[in-house]
PDB file of all heavy atoms in Angstrom:
ATOM      1  N   GLY A   1       7.990  -5.203  -0.329  1.00  0.00           N
ATOM      2  CA  GLY A   1       8.061  -3.789  -0.657  1.00  0.00           C
ATOM      3  C   GLY A   1       7.107  -2.884   0.081  1.00  0.00           C
ATOM      4  O   GLY A   1       6.811  -1.786  -0.376  1.00  0.00           O
ATOM      5  N   THR A   2       6.622  -3.329   1.256  1.00  0.00           N
ATOM      6  CA  THR A   2       5.634  -2.519   1.986  1.00  0.00           C
ATOM      7  C   THR A   2       6.210  -1.802   3.204  1.00  0.00           C
ATOM      8  O   THR A   2       5.481  -1.135   3.918  1.00  0.00           O
ATOM      9  CB  THR A   2       4.446  -3.389   2.451  1.00  0.00           C
ATOM     10  OG1 THR A   2       4.936  -4.402   3.336  1.00  0.00           O
ATOM     11  CG2 THR A   2       3.722  -4.012   1.268  1.00  0.00           C
ATOM     12  N   GLY A   3       7.502  -1.952   3.425  1.00  0.00           N
ATOM     13  CA  GLY A   3       8.126  -1.354   4.602  1.00  0.00           C
ATOM     14  C   GLY A   3       8.542   0.086   4.385  1.00  0.00           C
ATOM     15  O   GLY A   3       8.012   0.782   3.521  1.00  0.00           O
ATOM     16  N   VAL A   4       9.510   0.521   5.172  1.00  0.00           N
ATOM     17  CA  VAL A   4       9.933   1.927   5.133  1.00  0.00           C
ATOM     18  C   VAL A   4      11.299   2.138   4.473  1.00  0.00           C
ATOM     19  O   VAL A   4      11.774   3.274   4.415  1.00  0.00           O
ATOM     20  CB  VAL A   4       9.935   2.542   6.557  1.00  0.00           C
ATOM     21  CG1 VAL A   4       8.529   2.539   7.135  1.00  0.00           C
ATOM     22  CG2 VAL A   4      10.885   1.815   7.477  1.00  0.00           C
ATOM     23  N   ALA A   5      11.910   1.090   3.968  1.00  0.00           N
ATOM     24  CA  ALA A   5      13.197   1.233   3.284  1.00  0.00           C
ATOM     25  C   ALA A   5      13.001   1.998   1.973  1.00  0.00           C
ATOM     26  O   ALA A   5      11.900   2.029   1.407  1.00  0.00           O
ATOM     27  CB  ALA A   5      13.817  -0.140   3.013  1.00  0.00           C
ATOM     28  N   SER A   6      14.066   2.597   1.478  1.00  0.00           N
ATOM     29  CA  SER A   6      13.954   3.436   0.283  1.00  0.00           C
ATOM     30  C   SER A   6      13.494   2.656  -0.950  1.00  0.00           C
ATOM     31  O   SER A   6      12.835   3.217  -1.824  1.00  0.00           O
ATOM     32  CB  SER A   6      15.285   4.126  -0.012  1.00  0.00           C
ATOM     33  OG  SER A   6      16.287   3.167  -0.276  1.00  0.00           O
ATOM     34  N   ARG A   7      13.791   1.358  -1.038  1.00  0.00           N
ATOM     35  CA  ARG A   7      13.376   0.552  -2.194  1.00  0.00           C
ATOM     36  C   ARG A   7      11.963  -0.007  -2.029  1.00  0.00           C
ATOM     37  O   ARG A   7      11.433  -0.635  -2.949  1.00  0.00           O
ATOM     38  CB  ARG A   7      14.350  -0.605  -2.427  1.00  0.00           C
ATOM     39  CG  ARG A   7      15.738  -0.197  -2.849  1.00  0.00           C
ATOM     40  CD  ARG A   7      15.853   0.247  -4.279  1.00  0.00           C
ATOM     41  NE  ARG A   7      15.571  -0.820  -5.233  1.00  0.00           N
ATOM     42  CZ  ARG A   7      15.245  -0.611  -6.497  1.00  0.00           C
ATOM     43  NH1 ARG A   7      15.146   0.618  -6.956  1.00  0.00           N
ATOM     44  NH2 ARG A   7      15.006  -1.610  -7.307  1.00  0.00           N
ATOM     45  N   ASP A   8      11.324   0.195  -0.898  1.00  0.00           N
ATOM     46  CA  ASP A   8       9.968  -0.302  -0.658  1.00  0.00           C
ATOM     47  C   ASP A   8       8.963   0.650  -1.290  1.00  0.00           C
ATOM     48  O   ASP A   8       8.572   1.661  -0.701  1.00  0.00           O
ATOM     49  CB  ASP A   8       9.704  -0.433   0.847  1.00  0.00           C
ATOM     50  CG  ASP A   8      10.508  -1.545   1.487  1.00  0.00           C
ATOM     51  OD1 ASP A   8      10.894  -2.490   0.776  1.00  0.00           O
ATOM     52  OD2 ASP A   8      10.744  -1.472   2.706  1.00  0.00           O
ATOM     53  N   VAL A   9       8.544   0.321  -2.518  1.00  0.00           N
ATOM     54  CA  VAL A   9       7.671   1.222  -3.280  1.00  0.00           C
ATOM     55  C   VAL A   9       6.348   0.566  -3.692  1.00  0.00           C
ATOM     56  O   VAL A   9       5.597   1.134  -4.491  1.00  0.00           O
ATOM     57  CB  VAL A   9       8.406   1.760  -4.535  1.00  0.00           C
ATOM     58  CG1 VAL A   9       9.592   2.636  -4.128  1.00  0.00           C
ATOM     59  CG2 VAL A   9       8.846   0.619  -5.441  1.00  0.00           C
ATOM     60  N   THR A  10       6.057  -0.596  -3.155  1.00  0.00           N
ATOM     61  CA  THR A  10       4.823  -1.286  -3.533  1.00  0.00           C
ATOM     62  C   THR A  10       3.572  -0.457  -3.238  1.00  0.00           C
ATOM     63  O   THR A  10       2.685  -0.368  -4.099  1.00  0.00           O
ATOM     64  CB  THR A  10       4.745  -2.672  -2.863  1.00  0.00           C
ATOM     65  OG1 THR A  10       5.912  -3.422  -3.239  1.00  0.00           O
ATOM     66  CG2 THR A  10       3.501  -3.423  -3.274  1.00  0.00           C
ATOM     67  N   PRO A  11       3.462   0.182  -2.061  1.00  0.00           N
ATOM     68  CA  PRO A  11       2.262   0.991  -1.822  1.00  0.00           C
ATOM     69  C   PRO A  11       2.110   2.145  -2.818  1.00  0.00           C
ATOM     70  O   PRO A  11       0.992   2.449  -3.262  1.00  0.00           O
ATOM     71  CB  PRO A  11       2.453   1.512  -0.396  1.00  0.00           C
ATOM     72  CG  PRO A  11       3.380   0.530   0.245  1.00  0.00           C
ATOM     73  CD  PRO A  11       4.296   0.099  -0.859  1.00  0.00           C
ATOM     74  N   GLU A  12       3.201   2.777  -3.175  1.00  0.00           N
ATOM     75  CA  GLU A  12       3.136   3.885  -4.138  1.00  0.00           C
ATOM     76  C   GLU A  12       2.651   3.381  -5.500  1.00  0.00           C
ATOM     77  O   GLU A  12       1.799   4.010  -6.144  1.00  0.00           O
ATOM     78  CB  GLU A  12       4.504   4.568  -4.281  1.00  0.00           C
ATOM     79  CG  GLU A  12       4.896   5.418  -3.095  1.00  0.00           C
ATOM     80  CD  GLU A  12       5.385   4.622  -1.880  1.00  0.00           C
ATOM     81  OE1 GLU A  12       5.664   3.408  -1.994  1.00  0.00           O
ATOM     82  OE2 GLU A  12       5.465   5.226  -0.800  1.00  0.00           O
ATOM     83  N   ALA A  13       3.184   2.242  -5.934  1.00  0.00           N
ATOM     84  CA  ALA A  13       2.767   1.660  -7.214  1.00  0.00           C
ATOM     85  C   ALA A  13       1.302   1.250  -7.169  1.00  0.00           C
ATOM     86  O   ALA A  13       0.551   1.474  -8.128  1.00  0.00           O
ATOM     87  CB  ALA A  13       3.646   0.456  -7.548  1.00  0.00           C
ATOM     88  N   THR A  14       0.903   0.684  -6.059  1.00  0.00           N
ATOM     89  CA  THR A  14      -0.481   0.231  -5.911  1.00  0.00           C
ATOM     90  C   THR A  14      -1.437   1.420  -5.920  1.00  0.00           C
ATOM     91  O   THR A  14      -2.458   1.404  -6.612  1.00  0.00           O
ATOM     92  CB  THR A  14      -0.635  -0.585  -4.610  1.00  0.00           C
ATOM     93  OG1 THR A  14       0.268  -1.697  -4.653  1.00  0.00           O
ATOM     94  CG2 THR A  14      -2.052  -1.089  -4.445  1.00  0.00           C
ATOM     95  N   ARG A  15      -1.110   2.451  -5.171  1.00  0.00           N
ATOM     96  CA  ARG A  15      -1.972   3.639  -5.108  1.00  0.00           C
ATOM     97  C   ARG A  15      -2.181   4.242  -6.497  1.00  0.00           C
ATOM     98  O   ARG A  15      -3.266   4.724  -6.816  1.00  0.00           O
ATOM     99  CB  ARG A  15      -1.379   4.677  -4.159  1.00  0.00           C
ATOM    100  CG  ARG A  15      -2.284   5.904  -4.007  1.00  0.00           C
ATOM    101  CD  ARG A  15      -1.873   6.828  -2.890  1.00  0.00           C
ATOM    102  NE  ARG A  15      -2.382   6.290  -1.628  1.00  0.00           N
ATOM    103  CZ  ARG A  15      -1.613   5.983  -0.579  1.00  0.00           C
ATOM    104  NH1 ARG A  15      -0.308   6.165  -0.626  1.00  0.00           N
ATOM    105  NH2 ARG A  15      -2.143   5.510   0.526  1.00  0.00           N
ATOM    106  N   ARG A  16      -1.145   4.202  -7.323  1.00  0.00           N
ATOM    107  CA  ARG A  16      -1.246   4.758  -8.678  1.00  0.00           C
ATOM    108  C   ARG A  16      -2.302   4.061  -9.518  1.00  0.00           C
ATOM    109  O   ARG A  16      -2.882   4.684 -10.420  1.00  0.00           O
ATOM    110  CB  ARG A  16       0.104   4.643  -9.402  1.00  0.00           C
ATOM    111  CG  ARG A  16       1.080   5.696  -9.015  1.00  0.00           C
ATOM    112  CD  ARG A  16       2.444   5.554  -9.654  1.00  0.00           C
ATOM    113  NE  ARG A  16       2.460   5.111 -11.034  1.00  0.00           N
ATOM    114  CZ  ARG A  16       3.578   4.780 -11.671  1.00  0.00           C
ATOM    115  NH1 ARG A  16       4.747   4.831 -11.060  1.00  0.00           N
ATOM    116  NH2 ARG A  16       3.529   4.398 -12.927  1.00  0.00           N
ATOM    117  N   VAL A  17      -2.545   2.779  -9.275  1.00  0.00           N
ATOM    118  CA  VAL A  17      -3.444   2.028 -10.156  1.00  0.00           C
ATOM    119  C   VAL A  17      -4.832   1.764  -9.568  1.00  0.00           C
ATOM    120  O   VAL A  17      -5.733   1.352 -10.292  1.00  0.00           O
ATOM    121  CB  VAL A  17      -2.818   0.687 -10.596  1.00  0.00           C
ATOM    122  CG1 VAL A  17      -1.479   0.923 -11.287  1.00  0.00           C
ATOM    123  CG2 VAL A  17      -2.671  -0.280  -9.450  1.00  0.00           C
ATOM    124  N   LEU A  18      -5.012   2.007  -8.292  1.00  0.00           N
ATOM    125  CA  LEU A  18      -6.301   1.714  -7.679  1.00  0.00           C
ATOM    126  C   LEU A  18      -7.389   2.690  -8.145  1.00  0.00           C
ATOM    127  O   LEU A  18      -7.144   3.881  -8.265  1.00  0.00           O
ATOM    128  CB  LEU A  18      -6.218   1.790  -6.155  1.00  0.00           C
ATOM    129  CG  LEU A  18      -5.406   0.719  -5.442  1.00  0.00           C
ATOM    130  CD1 LEU A  18      -5.412   0.983  -3.934  1.00  0.00           C
ATOM    131  CD2 LEU A  18      -5.924  -0.675  -5.751  1.00  0.00           C
ATOM    132  N   ASP A  19      -8.581   2.151  -8.362  1.00  0.00           N
ATOM    133  CA  ASP A  19      -9.750   2.994  -8.575  1.00  0.00           C
ATOM    134  C   ASP A  19     -10.266   3.481  -7.223  1.00  0.00           C
ATOM    135  O   ASP A  19     -10.668   4.627  -7.087  1.00  0.00           O
ATOM    136  CB  ASP A  19     -10.874   2.218  -9.276  1.00  0.00           C
ATOM    137  CG  ASP A  19     -10.521   1.820 -10.695  1.00  0.00           C
ATOM    138  OD1 ASP A  19      -9.755   2.553 -11.356  1.00  0.00           O
ATOM    139  OD2 ASP A  19     -11.006   0.767 -11.146  1.00  0.00           O
ATOM    140  N   ARG A  20     -10.260   2.554  -6.244  1.00  0.00           N
ATOM    141  CA  ARG A  20     -10.763   2.875  -4.909  1.00  0.00           C
ATOM    142  C   ARG A  20      -9.936   2.132  -3.874  1.00  0.00           C
ATOM    143  O   ARG A  20      -9.672   0.941  -4.019  1.00  0.00           O
ATOM    144  CB  ARG A  20     -12.224   2.438  -4.786  1.00  0.00           C
ATOM    145  CG  ARG A  20     -13.126   3.119  -5.783  1.00  0.00           C
ATOM    146  CD  ARG A  20     -14.480   2.500  -5.819  1.00  0.00           C
ATOM    147  NE  ARG A  20     -15.269   3.030  -4.711  1.00  0.00           N
ATOM    148  CZ  ARG A  20     -16.461   2.586  -4.401  1.00  0.00           C
ATOM    149  NH1 ARG A  20     -16.998   1.594  -5.056  1.00  0.00           N
ATOM    150  NH2 ARG A  20     -17.135   3.121  -3.407  1.00  0.00           N
ATOM    151  N   GLU A  21      -9.551   2.847  -2.829  1.00  0.00           N
ATOM    152  CA  GLU A  21      -8.855   2.194  -1.715  1.00  0.00           C
ATOM    153  C   GLU A  21      -9.868   1.567  -0.776  1.00  0.00           C
ATOM    154  O   GLU A  21     -10.997   2.045  -0.643  1.00  0.00           O
ATOM    155  CB  GLU A  21      -7.997   3.207  -0.944  1.00  0.00           C
ATOM    156  CG  GLU A  21      -6.712   3.555  -1.649  1.00  0.00           C
ATOM    157  CD  GLU A  21      -5.736   4.338  -0.784  1.00  0.00           C
ATOM    158  OE1 GLU A  21      -5.600   4.014   0.417  1.00  0.00           O
ATOM    159  OE2 GLU A  21      -5.118   5.264  -1.326  1.00  0.00           O
ATOM    160  N   ILE A  22      -9.459   0.486  -0.126  1.00  0.00           N
ATOM    161  CA  ILE A  22     -10.248  -0.165   0.916  1.00  0.00           C
ATOM    162  C   ILE A  22      -9.364  -0.187   2.160  1.00  0.00           C
ATOM    163  O   ILE A  22      -8.668  -1.164   2.438  1.00  0.00           O
ATOM    164  CB  ILE A  22     -10.675  -1.591   0.505  1.00  0.00           C
ATOM    165  CG1 ILE A  22     -11.363  -1.581  -0.857  1.00  0.00           C
ATOM    166  CG2 ILE A  22     -11.585  -2.192   1.585  1.00  0.00           C
ATOM    167  CD1 ILE A  22     -11.646  -2.964  -1.421  1.00  0.00           C
ATOM    168  N   PRO A  23      -9.323   0.911   2.915  1.00  0.00           N
ATOM    169  CA  PRO A  23      -8.377   1.043   4.024  1.00  0.00           C
ATOM    170  C   PRO A  23      -8.588   0.053   5.166  1.00  0.00           C
ATOM    171  O   PRO A  23      -7.642  -0.260   5.885  1.00  0.00           O
ATOM    172  CB  PRO A  23      -8.568   2.486   4.497  1.00  0.00           C
ATOM    173  CG  PRO A  23      -9.864   2.934   3.954  1.00  0.00           C
ATOM    174  CD  PRO A  23     -10.147   2.110   2.737  1.00  0.00           C
ATOM    175  N   GLY A  24      -9.790  -0.447   5.335  1.00  0.00           N
ATOM    176  CA  GLY A  24     -10.045  -1.368   6.444  1.00  0.00           C
ATOM    177  C   GLY A  24      -9.269  -2.671   6.352  1.00  0.00           C
ATOM    178  O   GLY A  24      -8.931  -3.266   7.378  1.00  0.00           O
ATOM    179  N   ILE A  25      -8.964  -3.111   5.137  1.00  0.00           N
ATOM    180  CA  ILE A  25      -8.231  -4.377   4.992  1.00  0.00           C
ATOM    181  C   ILE A  25      -6.814  -4.263   5.560  1.00  0.00           C
ATOM    182  O   ILE A  25      -6.441  -5.047   6.429  1.00  0.00           O
ATOM    183  CB  ILE A  25      -8.251  -4.863   3.526  1.00  0.00           C
ATOM    184  CG1 ILE A  25      -9.683  -5.301   3.155  1.00  0.00           C
ATOM    185  CG2 ILE A  25      -7.256  -6.006   3.311  1.00  0.00           C
ATOM    186  CD1 ILE A  25      -9.865  -5.681   1.700  1.00  0.00           C
ATOM    187  N   PRO A  26      -5.993  -3.317   5.115  1.00  0.00           N
ATOM    188  CA  PRO A  26      -4.653  -3.229   5.712  1.00  0.00           C
ATOM    189  C   PRO A  26      -4.671  -2.808   7.184  1.00  0.00           C
ATOM    190  O   PRO A  26      -3.782  -3.189   7.952  1.00  0.00           O
ATOM    191  CB  PRO A  26      -3.911  -2.219   4.842  1.00  0.00           C
ATOM    192  CG  PRO A  26      -4.951  -1.495   4.079  1.00  0.00           C
ATOM    193  CD  PRO A  26      -6.144  -2.394   3.988  1.00  0.00           C
ATOM    194  N   GLU A  27      -5.689  -2.047   7.582  1.00  0.00           N
ATOM    195  CA  GLU A  27      -5.802  -1.693   9.003  1.00  0.00           C
ATOM    196  C   GLU A  27      -5.993  -2.958   9.840  1.00  0.00           C
ATOM    197  O   GLU A  27      -5.364  -3.120  10.888  1.00  0.00           O
ATOM    198  CB  GLU A  27      -6.976  -0.733   9.224  1.00  0.00           C
ATOM    199  CG  GLU A  27      -6.724   0.656   8.695  1.00  0.00           C
ATOM    200  CD  GLU A  27      -7.975   1.516   8.676  1.00  0.00           C
ATOM    201  OE1 GLU A  27      -9.044   1.081   9.157  1.00  0.00           O
ATOM    202  OE2 GLU A  27      -7.894   2.650   8.158  1.00  0.00           O
ATOM    203  N   LEU A  28      -6.867  -3.851   9.375  1.00  0.00           N
ATOM    204  CA  LEU A  28      -7.107  -5.109  10.081  1.00  0.00           C
ATOM    205  C   LEU A  28      -5.838  -5.961  10.108  1.00  0.00           C
ATOM    206  O   LEU A  28      -5.483  -6.539  11.138  1.00  0.00           O
ATOM    207  CB  LEU A  28      -8.251  -5.882   9.418  1.00  0.00           C
ATOM    208  CG  LEU A  28      -8.601  -7.232  10.028  1.00  0.00           C
ATOM    209  CD1 LEU A  28      -9.083  -7.078  11.462  1.00  0.00           C
ATOM    210  CD2 LEU A  28      -9.659  -7.926   9.167  1.00  0.00           C
ATOM    211  N   VAL A  29      -5.138  -6.031   8.985  1.00  0.00           N
ATOM    212  CA  VAL A  29      -3.898  -6.812   8.902  1.00  0.00           C
ATOM    213  C   VAL A  29      -2.861  -6.277   9.881  1.00  0.00           C
ATOM    214  O   VAL A  29      -2.211  -7.045  10.594  1.00  0.00           O
ATOM    215  CB  VAL A  29      -3.353  -6.829   7.454  1.00  0.00           C
ATOM    216  CG1 VAL A  29      -1.937  -7.379   7.404  1.00  0.00           C
ATOM    217  CG2 VAL A  29      -4.279  -7.632   6.554  1.00  0.00           C
ATOM    218  N   ARG A  30      -2.706  -4.954   9.934  1.00  0.00           N
ATOM    219  CA  ARG A  30      -1.735  -4.375  10.864  1.00  0.00           C
ATOM    220  C   ARG A  30      -2.135  -4.647  12.315  1.00  0.00           C
ATOM    221  O   ARG A  30      -1.299  -4.989  13.147  1.00  0.00           O
ATOM    222  CB  ARG A  30      -1.593  -2.871  10.617  1.00  0.00           C
ATOM    223  CG  ARG A  30      -0.732  -2.543   9.403  1.00  0.00           C
ATOM    224  CD  ARG A  30      -0.465  -1.052   9.269  1.00  0.00           C
ATOM    225  NE  ARG A  30      -1.588  -0.329   8.697  1.00  0.00           N
ATOM    226  CZ  ARG A  30      -1.792  -0.157   7.394  1.00  0.00           C
ATOM    227  NH1 ARG A  30      -0.949  -0.683   6.517  1.00  0.00           N
ATOM    228  NH2 ARG A  30      -2.825   0.525   6.962  1.00  0.00           N
TER     229      ARG A  30
END
């Protein structure tokens, strides 16, 4: 659910519940 298709909503759901983002982790993965 991390892609760009209309049903890919994992990032939106995750952002809703995070206290703090750690952007370096997904940047490194990409």
